[in-house]
Amino acid sequence: MTKTLLSLGHGYSAQALERLLPADWQVIATTRSAEKAARLTTGRVTGLVWPGTDLAGPLEQATHVLSSVSPGPQTDPVLAEIGQKLAQARHLEWVGYLSTTGVYGDHDGGWVDEATPLDPTTERGQARLQAEASWQALGLPLHIFRLAGIYGPGRGPFAKVRAGTARRIIKPGQVFSRIHVDDIAQVLAASIARPNPGAVYNVCDDDPAPPQDVIAHAASLLGLPVPPEIPLEQARMTPMARSFYAESKKVSNDRIKTELGVRLLYPDYRSGLAALLFDEGVDGA
């Protein structure tokens, strides 16, 4: 039987999953613009503009659903439109929701895992927590994936380091967890292959690290000067960028390994950045 994934908000991470799905899968991919929908459409992918298209038909066709859509300040836009239809979609075999490790809040650099009480301190984290609860209330075979900071092809520090715009912003004790997009994809694929409705997974690598160390390592790989340090108090930042420094924690990824059998392709930022640079060299050859 052909499997069909309804991918709501078919962006960076969902497209990486698409590349891992078996060749006989079909994908219905929503995006906000007609141009992007046309670009997404291939032999097995049907691009749809949403909001603007009735999702009742695609939902009936789907065996699997993945939502990458960010919640608004009041509600999750997916649930606002098709929440009732989702709750009635008892034919679904697997549902995935991409959330964030921001739901854990600030832990002063300490460790958190999936059993840690949720206490987000930012508006974005609070919206994600509310969205998680709303998805859980639908009674679907739901799997929640709490993603750390995402990087990968086209989303790494090299461009800013080369341009001289990268900054090493220093907040003592600050650490972030991160994850390569290809590892997100393999976690999602492993969950699809081994469903466990109700499961929550942290998706991050093995090496939570200070953000300034990542920039310094990227500069070293490029053979360029390491950008100077700037204390957080002196840094010019957008409110959103500054909010990332309001929380510091190390995120455990044991569950994706023990339950899903995932072996990370890029267990730390050093291996991930090296692979990105190598791929740039191959592409440019």
C-alpha atoms as a PDB file:
ATOM      1  CA  MET A   1       0.000   0.000   0.000  1.00  0.00           C
ATOM      2  CA  THR A   2       1.350   3.430  -0.954  1.00  0.00           C
ATOM      3  CA  LYS A   3       2.096   5.709   1.972  1.00  0.00           C
ATOM      4  CA  THR A   4       1.287   9.397   1.752  1.00  0.00           C
ATOM      5  CA  LEU A   5       2.820  12.084   3.952  1.00  0.00           C
ATOM      6  CA  LEU A   6       0.893  15.321   4.390  1.00  0.00           C
ATOM      7  CA  SER A   7       3.681  17.750   5.241  1.00  0.00           C
ATOM      8  CA  LEU A   8       2.264  20.963   6.664  1.00  0.00           C
ATOM      9  CA  GLY A   9       4.768  23.769   6.213  1.00  0.00           C
ATOM     10  CA  HIS A  10       7.162  21.812   4.018  1.00  0.00           C
ATOM     11  CA  GLY A  11      10.356  23.623   4.903  1.00  0.00           C
ATOM     12  CA  TYR A  12      14.006  22.907   5.649  1.00  0.00           C
ATOM     13  CA  SER A  13      13.608  19.933   8.005  1.00  0.00           C
ATOM     14  CA  ALA A  14      10.620  18.376   6.227  1.00  0.00           C
ATOM     15  CA  GLN A  15      12.414  18.500   2.894  1.00  0.00           C
ATOM     16  CA  ALA A  16      15.346  16.651   4.447  1.00  0.00           C
ATOM     17  CA  LEU A  17      12.919  13.945   5.616  1.00  0.00           C
ATOM     18  CA  GLU A  18      11.378  13.795   2.143  1.00  0.00           C
ATOM     19  CA  ARG A  19      14.771  12.844   0.716  1.00  0.00           C
ATOM     20  CA  LEU A  20      14.941   9.842   3.083  1.00  0.00           C
ATOM     21  CA  LEU A  21      11.475   8.439   2.395  1.00  0.00           C
ATOM     22  CA  PRO A  22      11.232   5.307   0.233  1.00  0.00           C
ATOM     23  CA  ALA A  23      10.699   5.926  -3.474  1.00  0.00           C
ATOM     24  CA  ASP A  24       7.111   4.635  -3.418  1.00  0.00           C
ATOM     25  CA  TRP A  25       5.934   7.255  -0.907  1.00  0.00           C
ATOM     26  CA  GLN A  26       3.807  10.208  -2.001  1.00  0.00           C
ATOM     27  CA  VAL A  27       4.158  13.623  -0.354  1.00  0.00           C
ATOM     28  CA  ILE A  28       1.570  16.404  -0.210  1.00  0.00           C
ATOM     29  CA  ALA A  29       3.559  19.490   0.732  1.00  0.00           C
ATOM     30  CA  THR A  30       2.043  22.797   1.811  1.00  0.00           C
ATOM     31  CA  THR A  31       3.778  26.134   1.490  1.00  0.00           C
ATOM     32  CA  ARG A  32       2.667  29.764   1.546  1.00  0.00           C
ATOM     33  CA  SER A  33       3.335  30.791  -2.065  1.00  0.00           C
ATOM     34  CA  ALA A  34       2.383  29.459  -5.489  1.00  0.00           C
ATOM     35  CA  GLU A  35       5.988  29.857  -6.624  1.00  0.00           C
ATOM     36  CA  LYS A  36       7.268  27.612  -3.843  1.00  0.00           C
ATOM     37  CA  ALA A  37       4.465  25.115  -4.406  1.00  0.00           C
ATOM     38  CA  ALA A  38       5.462  24.820  -8.064  1.00  0.00           C
ATOM     39  CA  ARG A  39       9.114  24.410  -7.115  1.00  0.00           C
ATOM     40  CA  LEU A  40       8.279  21.662  -4.613  1.00  0.00           C
ATOM     41  CA  THR A  41       6.161  19.693  -7.083  1.00  0.00           C
ATOM     42  CA  THR A  42       8.028  16.701  -8.517  1.00  0.00           C
ATOM     43  CA  GLY A  43       7.099  13.186  -9.557  1.00  0.00           C
ATOM     44  CA  ARG A  44       6.023  12.178  -6.084  1.00  0.00           C
ATOM     45  CA  VAL A  45       5.549  15.552  -4.389  1.00  0.00           C
ATOM     46  CA  THR A  46       2.419  17.665  -4.838  1.00  0.00           C
ATOM     47  CA  GLY A  47       2.896  21.246  -3.715  1.00  0.00           C
ATOM     48  CA  LEU A  48      -0.147  23.060  -2.305  1.00  0.00           C
ATOM     49  CA  VAL A  49      -0.596  26.668  -1.296  1.00  0.00           C
ATOM     50  CA  TRP A  50      -1.797  26.868   2.289  1.00  0.00           C
ATOM     51  CA  PRO A  51      -3.455  28.852   3.776  1.00  0.00           C
ATOM     52  CA  GLY A  52      -5.744  29.060   0.780  1.00  0.00           C
ATOM     53  CA  THR A  53      -6.386  25.400  -0.057  1.00  0.00           C
ATOM     54  CA  ASP A  54      -8.942  23.156   1.637  1.00  0.00           C
ATOM     55  CA  LEU A  55      -6.921  20.464   3.422  1.00  0.00           C
ATOM     56  CA  ALA A  56      -9.836  18.065   3.939  1.00  0.00           C
ATOM     57  CA  GLY A  57      -9.061  16.094   0.773  1.00  0.00           C
ATOM     58  CA  PRO A  58      -5.307  15.855   1.345  1.00  0.00           C
ATOM     59  CA  LEU A  59      -5.941  14.780   4.933  1.00  0.00           C
ATOM     60  CA  GLU A  60      -8.192  11.961   3.747  1.00  0.00           C
ATOM     61  CA  GLN A  61      -5.428  10.750   1.414  1.00  0.00           C
ATOM     62  CA  ALA A  62      -2.701  10.913   4.042  1.00  0.00           C
ATOM     63  CA  THR A  63      -1.438   7.978   6.049  1.00  0.00           C
ATOM     64  CA  HIS A  64       1.110  10.167   7.864  1.00  0.00           C
ATOM     65  CA  VAL A  65       1.084  13.838   8.884  1.00  0.00           C
ATOM     66  CA  LEU A  66       4.007  16.087   9.836  1.00  0.00           C
ATOM     67  CA  SER A  67       3.459  19.655  11.019  1.00  0.00           C
ATOM     68  CA  SER A  68       6.377  22.079  10.892  1.00  0.00           C
ATOM     69  CA  VAL A  69       4.079  25.115  11.215  1.00  0.00           C
ATOM     70  CA  SER A  70       4.939  27.559  13.991  1.00  0.00           C
ATOM     71  CA  PRO A  71       2.121  28.531  16.354  1.00  0.00           C
ATOM     72  CA  GLY A  72       0.782  32.046  16.370  1.00  0.00           C
ATOM     73  CA  PRO A  73       0.447  34.104  19.548  1.00  0.00           C
ATOM     74  CA  GLN A  74      -3.100  32.846  20.105  1.00  0.00           C
ATOM     75  CA  THR A  75      -3.316  29.406  18.500  1.00  0.00           C
ATOM     76  CA  ASP A  76      -1.735  26.911  16.145  1.00  0.00           C
ATOM     77  CA  PRO A  77      -2.961  27.877  12.644  1.00  0.00           C
ATOM     78  CA  VAL A  78      -3.155  24.230  11.548  1.00  0.00           C
ATOM     79  CA  LEU A  79      -5.415  23.318  14.448  1.00  0.00           C
ATOM     80  CA  ALA A  80      -7.472  26.468  13.994  1.00  0.00           C
ATOM     81  CA  GLU A  81      -8.357  25.349  10.467  1.00  0.00           C
ATOM     82  CA  ILE A  82      -8.443  21.553  10.550  1.00  0.00           C
ATOM     83  CA  GLY A  83      -8.178  20.577  14.215  1.00  0.00           C
ATOM     84  CA  GLN A  84     -11.632  18.977  14.229  1.00  0.00           C
ATOM     85  CA  LYS A  85     -10.942  17.052  11.015  1.00  0.00           C
ATOM     86  CA  LEU A  86      -7.615  15.856  12.445  1.00  0.00           C
ATOM     87  CA  ALA A  87      -9.334  14.626  15.593  1.00  0.00           C
ATOM     88  CA  GLN A  88     -11.655  12.529  13.400  1.00  0.00           C
ATOM     89  CA  ALA A  89      -8.848  11.175  11.171  1.00  0.00           C
ATOM     90  CA  ARG A  90      -8.595   7.732  12.729  1.00  0.00           C
ATOM     91  CA  HIS A  91      -6.957   6.317   9.605  1.00  0.00           C
ATOM     92  CA  LEU A  92      -3.649   8.065  10.324  1.00  0.00           C
ATOM     93  CA  GLU A  93      -0.757   5.756  11.165  1.00  0.00           C
ATOM     94  CA  TRP A  94       1.681   8.396  12.425  1.00  0.00           C
ATOM     95  CA  VAL A  95       1.569  12.093  13.248  1.00  0.00           C
ATOM     96  CA  GLY A  96       4.634  14.212  13.981  1.00  0.00           C
ATOM     97  CA  TYR A  97       4.833  17.710  15.443  1.00  0.00           C
ATOM     98  CA  LEU A  98       8.061  19.711  15.333  1.00  0.00           C
ATOM     99  CA  SER A  99       8.443  21.681  18.555  1.00  0.00           C
ATOM    100  CA  THR A 100      11.444  23.233  20.300  1.00  0.00           C
ATOM    101  CA  THR A 101      13.680  22.645  23.299  1.00  0.00           C
ATOM    102  CA  GLY A 102      12.611  26.154  24.318  1.00  0.00           C
ATOM    103  CA  VAL A 103       9.668  24.568  26.164  1.00  0.00           C
ATOM    104  CA  TYR A 104      12.069  23.613  28.985  1.00  0.00           C
ATOM    105  CA  GLY A 105      12.963  27.201  29.812  1.00  0.00           C
ATOM    106  CA  ASP A 106      16.170  28.253  31.554  1.00  0.00           C
ATOM    107  CA  HIS A 107      18.245  25.769  33.567  1.00  0.00           C
ATOM    108  CA  ASP A 108      21.420  27.805  34.147  1.00  0.00           C
ATOM    109  CA  GLY A 109      23.408  25.483  31.919  1.00  0.00           C
ATOM    110  CA  GLY A 110      22.102  22.296  33.558  1.00  0.00           C
ATOM    111  CA  TRP A 111      20.862  19.163  31.846  1.00  0.00           C
ATOM    112  CA  VAL A 112      17.271  18.531  30.771  1.00  0.00           C
ATOM    113  CA  ASP A 113      15.567  15.466  29.316  1.00  0.00           C
ATOM    114  CA  GLU A 114      12.049  14.621  28.170  1.00  0.00           C
ATOM    115  CA  ALA A 115      10.895  14.142  31.770  1.00  0.00           C
ATOM    116  CA  THR A 116      12.013  17.633  32.849  1.00  0.00           C
ATOM    117  CA  PRO A 117       9.062  19.869  33.849  1.00  0.00           C
ATOM    118  CA  LEU A 118       8.211  22.375  31.143  1.00  0.00           C
ATOM    119  CA  ASP A 119       8.665  26.005  32.138  1.00  0.00           C
ATOM    120  CA  PRO A 120       9.328  28.225  29.100  1.00  0.00           C
ATOM    121  CA  THR A 121      10.384  31.791  29.802  1.00  0.00           C
ATOM    122  CA  THR A 122       9.969  33.252  26.298  1.00  0.00           C
ATOM    123  CA  GLU A 123       6.738  33.985  24.443  1.00  0.00           C
ATOM    124  CA  ARG A 124       7.816  31.614  21.661  1.00  0.00           C
ATOM    125  CA  GLY A 125       8.427  28.815  24.146  1.00  0.00           C
ATOM    126  CA  GLN A 126       5.081  29.405  25.813  1.00  0.00           C
ATOM    127  CA  ALA A 127       3.299  29.295  22.441  1.00  0.00           C
ATOM    128  CA  ARG A 128       5.030  26.017  21.629  1.00  0.00           C
ATOM    129  CA  LEU A 129       4.017  24.528  24.963  1.00  0.00           C
ATOM    130  CA  GLN A 130       0.390  25.476  24.334  1.00  0.00           C
ATOM    131  CA  ALA A 131       0.581  24.030  20.812  1.00  0.00           C
ATOM    132  CA  GLU A 132       2.040  20.753  22.090  1.00  0.00           C
ATOM    133  CA  ALA A 133      -0.847  20.403  24.533  1.00  0.00           C
ATOM    134  CA  SER A 134      -3.399  21.182  21.819  1.00  0.00           C
ATOM    135  CA  TRP A 135      -1.966  18.535  19.492  1.00  0.00           C
ATOM    136  CA  GLN A 136      -1.851  16.000  22.327  1.00  0.00           C
ATOM    137  CA  ALA A 137      -5.538  16.620  23.077  1.00  0.00           C
ATOM    138  CA  LEU A 138      -6.601  15.382  19.620  1.00  0.00           C
ATOM    139  CA  GLY A 139      -6.073  11.724  20.482  1.00  0.00           C
ATOM    140  CA  LEU A 140      -3.891  11.041  17.434  1.00  0.00           C
ATOM    141  CA  PRO A 141      -0.853   8.722  17.152  1.00  0.00           C
ATOM    142  CA  LEU A 142       1.232  11.805  17.943  1.00  0.00           C
ATOM    143  CA  HIS A 143       5.021  12.054  18.241  1.00  0.00           C
ATOM    144  CA  ILE A 144       6.541  15.338  19.427  1.00  0.00           C
ATOM    145  CA  PHE A 145      10.068  16.278  18.399  1.00  0.00           C
ATOM    146  CA  ARG A 146      11.715  19.051  20.406  1.00  0.00           C
ATOM    147  CA  LEU A 147      14.381  20.444  18.123  1.00  0.00           C
ATOM    148  CA  ALA A 148      17.540  22.230  19.190  1.00  0.00           C
ATOM    149  CA  GLY A 149      19.112  24.951  17.039  1.00  0.00           C
ATOM    150  CA  ILE A 150      19.094  23.755  13.418  1.00  0.00           C
ATOM    151  CA  TYR A 151      22.030  24.058  11.039  1.00  0.00           C
ATOM    152  CA  GLY A 152      23.007  22.413   7.763  1.00  0.00           C
ATOM    153  CA  PRO A 153      23.586  23.271   4.090  1.00  0.00           C
ATOM    154  CA  GLY A 154      22.835  26.947   3.581  1.00  0.00           C
ATOM    155  CA  ARG A 155      22.373  27.424   7.328  1.00  0.00           C
ATOM    156  CA  GLY A 156      25.796  27.525   8.882  1.00  0.00           C
ATOM    157  CA  PRO A 157      28.166  30.197  10.211  1.00  0.00           C
ATOM    158  CA  PHE A 158      30.544  30.216   7.239  1.00  0.00           C
ATOM    159  CA  ALA A 159      28.851  32.954   5.207  1.00  0.00           C
ATOM    160  CA  LYS A 160      28.915  35.418   8.113  1.00  0.00           C
ATOM    161  CA  VAL A 161      32.493  34.525   9.014  1.00  0.00           C
ATOM    162  CA  ARG A 162      33.592  35.077   5.408  1.00  0.00           C
ATOM    163  CA  ALA A 163      31.678  38.356   5.226  1.00  0.00           C
ATOM    164  CA  GLY A 164      33.215  39.584   8.465  1.00  0.00           C
ATOM    165  CA  THR A 165      29.790  39.968  10.094  1.00  0.00           C
ATOM    166  CA  ALA A 166      30.007  37.020  12.506  1.00  0.00           C
ATOM    167  CA  ARG A 167      30.093  37.963  16.186  1.00  0.00           C
ATOM    168  CA  ARG A 168      31.254  36.041  19.230  1.00  0.00           C
ATOM    169  CA  ILE A 169      28.735  37.246  21.804  1.00  0.00           C
ATOM    170  CA  ILE A 170      29.790  36.279  25.306  1.00  0.00           C
ATOM    171  CA  LYS A 171      27.509  35.449  28.189  1.00  0.00           C
ATOM    172  CA  PRO A 172      29.427  33.521  30.879  1.00  0.00           C
ATOM    173  CA  GLY A 173      28.095  29.992  31.287  1.00  0.00           C
ATOM    174  CA  GLN A 174      25.870  30.169  28.203  1.00  0.00           C
ATOM    175  CA  VAL A 175      25.447  26.918  26.280  1.00  0.00           C
ATOM    176  CA  PHE A 176      23.176  25.919  23.401  1.00  0.00           C
ATOM    177  CA  SER A 177      22.306  22.568  21.922  1.00  0.00           C
ATOM    178  CA  ARG A 178      22.143  22.205  18.137  1.00  0.00           C
ATOM    179  CA  ILE A 179      21.341  19.603  15.492  1.00  0.00           C
ATOM    180  CA  HIS A 180      22.245  19.037  11.838  1.00  0.00           C
ATOM    181  CA  VAL A 181      19.200  18.916   9.566  1.00  0.00           C
ATOM    182  CA  ASP A 182      20.188  15.483   8.225  1.00  0.00           C
ATOM    183  CA  ASP A 183      20.052  14.111  11.764  1.00  0.00           C
ATOM    184  CA  ILE A 184      16.577  15.593  12.236  1.00  0.00           C
ATOM    185  CA  ALA A 185      15.546  13.739   9.091  1.00  0.00           C
ATOM    186  CA  GLN A 186      16.897  10.418  10.255  1.00  0.00           C
ATOM    187  CA  VAL A 187      15.182  10.775  13.649  1.00  0.00           C
ATOM    188  CA  LEU A 188      11.846  11.424  11.930  1.00  0.00           C
ATOM    189  CA  ALA A 189      12.358   8.505   9.554  1.00  0.00           C
ATOM    190  CA  ALA A 190      13.259   6.203  12.448  1.00  0.00           C
ATOM    191  CA  SER A 191      10.095   7.225  14.302  1.00  0.00           C
ATOM    192  CA  ILE A 192       7.952   6.588  11.214  1.00  0.00           C
ATOM    193  CA  ALA A 193       9.494   3.129  10.950  1.00  0.00           C
ATOM    194  CA  ARG A 194       8.982   2.483  14.666  1.00  0.00           C
ATOM    195  CA  PRO A 195       5.866   4.389  15.809  1.00  0.00           C
ATOM    196  CA  ASN A 196       5.327   4.936  19.521  1.00  0.00           C
ATOM    197  CA  PRO A 197       2.221   7.133  19.893  1.00  0.00           C
ATOM    198  CA  GLY A 198       2.568   9.610  22.717  1.00  0.00           C
ATOM    199  CA  ALA A 199       6.359   9.683  22.568  1.00  0.00           C
ATOM    200  CA  VAL A 200       8.348  12.879  22.959  1.00  0.00           C
ATOM    201  CA  TYR A 201      11.919  13.112  21.676  1.00  0.00           C
ATOM    202  CA  ASN A 202      14.643  15.674  22.161  1.00  0.00           C
ATOM    203  CA  VAL A 203      16.475  16.085  18.852  1.00  0.00           C
ATOM    204  CA  CYS A 204      19.971  17.450  19.406  1.00  0.00           C
ATOM    205  CA  ASP A 205      23.582  16.385  19.140  1.00  0.00           C
ATOM    206  CA  ASP A 206      25.910  15.117  21.872  1.00  0.00           C
ATOM    207  CA  ASP A 207      27.791  18.352  22.499  1.00  0.00           C
ATOM    208  CA  PRO A 208      25.993  21.394  23.929  1.00  0.00           C
ATOM    209  CA  ALA A 209      28.483  24.219  23.538  1.00  0.00           C
ATOM    210  CA  PRO A 210      28.929  27.970  23.943  1.00  0.00           C
ATOM    211  CA  PRO A 211      27.886  29.738  20.733  1.00  0.00           C
ATOM    212  CA  GLN A 212      31.161  31.660  20.529  1.00  0.00           C
ATOM    213  CA  ASP A 213      33.065  28.377  20.298  1.00  0.00           C
ATOM    214  CA  VAL A 214      31.152  27.416  17.163  1.00  0.00           C
ATOM    215  CA  ILE A 215      32.006  30.716  15.476  1.00  0.00           C
ATOM    216  CA  ALA A 216      35.661  30.391  16.474  1.00  0.00           C
ATOM    217  CA  HIS A 217      35.841  26.869  15.080  1.00  0.00           C
ATOM    218  CA  ALA A 218      34.211  27.939  11.811  1.00  0.00           C
ATOM    219  CA  ALA A 219      36.778  30.712  11.427  1.00  0.00           C
ATOM    220  CA  SER A 220      39.578  28.266  12.145  1.00  0.00           C
ATOM    221  CA  LEU A 221      38.287  25.841   9.474  1.00  0.00           C
ATOM    222  CA  LEU A 222      38.247  28.701   6.961  1.00  0.00           C
ATOM    223  CA  GLY A 223      41.697  29.927   7.972  1.00  0.00           C
ATOM    224  CA  LEU A 224      40.263  33.326   8.842  1.00  0.00           C
ATOM    225  CA  PRO A 225      40.703  35.479  11.947  1.00  0.00           C
ATOM    226  CA  VAL A 226      38.521  34.573  14.889  1.00  0.00           C
ATOM    227  CA  PRO A 227      35.933  37.335  15.393  1.00  0.00           C
ATOM    228  CA  PRO A 228      36.492  39.362  18.558  1.00  0.00           C
ATOM    229  CA  GLU A 229      34.468  38.767  21.698  1.00  0.00           C
ATOM    230  CA  ILE A 230      31.557  41.095  22.465  1.00  0.00           C
ATOM    231  CA  PRO A 231      29.956  41.033  25.931  1.00  0.00           C
ATOM    232  CA  LEU A 232      26.218  40.373  25.746  1.00  0.00           C
ATOM    233  CA  GLU A 233      25.441  43.697  27.408  1.00  0.00           C
ATOM    234  CA  GLN A 234      27.246  45.577  24.617  1.00  0.00           C
ATOM    235  CA  ALA A 235      25.897  43.568  21.685  1.00  0.00           C
ATOM    236  CA  ARG A 236      23.366  45.126  19.325  1.00  0.00           C
ATOM    237  CA  MET A 237      20.737  42.446  18.799  1.00  0.00           C
ATOM    238  CA  THR A 238      17.117  42.116  17.810  1.00  0.00           C
ATOM    239  CA  PRO A 239      14.732  41.257  20.660  1.00  0.00           C
ATOM    240  CA  MET A 240      14.339  37.769  19.193  1.00  0.00           C
ATOM    241  CA  ALA A 241      18.097  37.188  18.992  1.00  0.00           C
ATOM    242  CA  ARG A 242      18.566  38.446  22.536  1.00  0.00           C
ATOM    243  CA  SER A 243      15.816  36.153  23.801  1.00  0.00           C
ATOM    244  CA  PHE A 244      17.908  33.119  22.839  1.00  0.00           C
ATOM    245  CA  TYR A 245      20.428  34.167  25.483  1.00  0.00           C
ATOM    246  CA  ALA A 246      17.715  34.281  28.166  1.00  0.00           C
ATOM    247  CA  GLU A 247      17.869  30.482  28.459  1.00  0.00           C
ATOM    248  CA  SER A 248      20.855  28.201  28.944  1.00  0.00           C
ATOM    249  CA  LYS A 249      20.658  24.415  29.141  1.00  0.00           C
ATOM    250  CA  LYS A 250      22.200  21.161  27.984  1.00  0.00           C
ATOM    251  CA  VAL A 251      19.692  18.872  26.300  1.00  0.00           C
ATOM    252  CA  SER A 252      19.929  15.090  26.612  1.00  0.00           C
ATOM    253  CA  ASN A 253      19.369  13.046  23.451  1.00  0.00           C
ATOM    254  CA  ASP A 254      19.477   9.568  25.022  1.00  0.00           C
ATOM    255  CA  ARG A 255      15.920   8.678  23.989  1.00  0.00           C
ATOM    256  CA  ILE A 256      16.467   8.967  20.228  1.00  0.00           C
ATOM    257  CA  LYS A 257      19.332   6.515  20.627  1.00  0.00           C
ATOM    258  CA  THR A 258      17.783   4.002  22.993  1.00  0.00           C
ATOM    259  CA  GLU A 259      14.220   3.962  21.586  1.00  0.00           C
ATOM    260  CA  LEU A 260      14.814   4.715  17.913  1.00  0.00           C
ATOM    261  CA  GLY A 261      18.293   3.286  17.482  1.00  0.00           C
ATOM    262  CA  VAL A 262      19.567   6.515  15.936  1.00  0.00           C
ATOM    263  CA  ARG A 263      23.289   6.909  15.418  1.00  0.00           C
ATOM    264  CA  LEU A 264      23.966  10.563  14.774  1.00  0.00           C
ATOM    265  CA  LEU A 265      25.703  11.443  11.530  1.00  0.00           C
ATOM    266  CA  TYR A 266      27.086  14.590  13.161  1.00  0.00           C
ATOM    267  CA  PRO A 267      27.391  14.074  16.933  1.00  0.00           C
ATOM    268  CA  ASP A 268      28.969  17.497  17.482  1.00  0.00           C
ATOM    269  CA  TYR A 269      29.351  20.813  15.709  1.00  0.00           C
ATOM    270  CA  ARG A 270      32.938  20.041  14.698  1.00  0.00           C
ATOM    271  CA  SER A 271      31.936  17.060  12.567  1.00  0.00           C
ATOM    272  CA  GLY A 272      28.899  18.919  11.238  1.00  0.00           C
ATOM    273  CA  LEU A 273      30.848  22.016  10.195  1.00  0.00           C
ATOM    274  CA  ALA A 274      33.601  19.911   8.629  1.00  0.00           C
ATOM    275  CA  ALA A 275      30.992  18.116   6.505  1.00  0.00           C
ATOM    276  CA  LEU A 276      29.409  21.401   5.410  1.00  0.00           C
ATOM    277  CA  LEU A 277      32.780  22.767   4.327  1.00  0.00           C
ATOM    278  CA  PHE A 278      33.648  19.559   2.502  1.00  0.00           C
ATOM    279  CA  ASP A 279      30.336  19.668   0.644  1.00  0.00           C
ATOM    280  CA  GLU A 280      31.019  23.270  -0.347  1.00  0.00           C
ATOM    281  CA  GLY A 281      34.317  22.161  -1.842  1.00  0.00           C
ATOM    282  CA  VAL A 282      32.696  19.303  -3.728  1.00  0.00           C
ATOM    283  CA  ASP A 283      29.966  21.583  -5.044  1.00  0.00           C
ATOM    284  CA  GLY A 284      32.503  24.112  -6.174  1.00  0.00           C
ATOM    285  CA  ALA A 285      34.756  21.619  -7.953  1.00  0.00           C
END
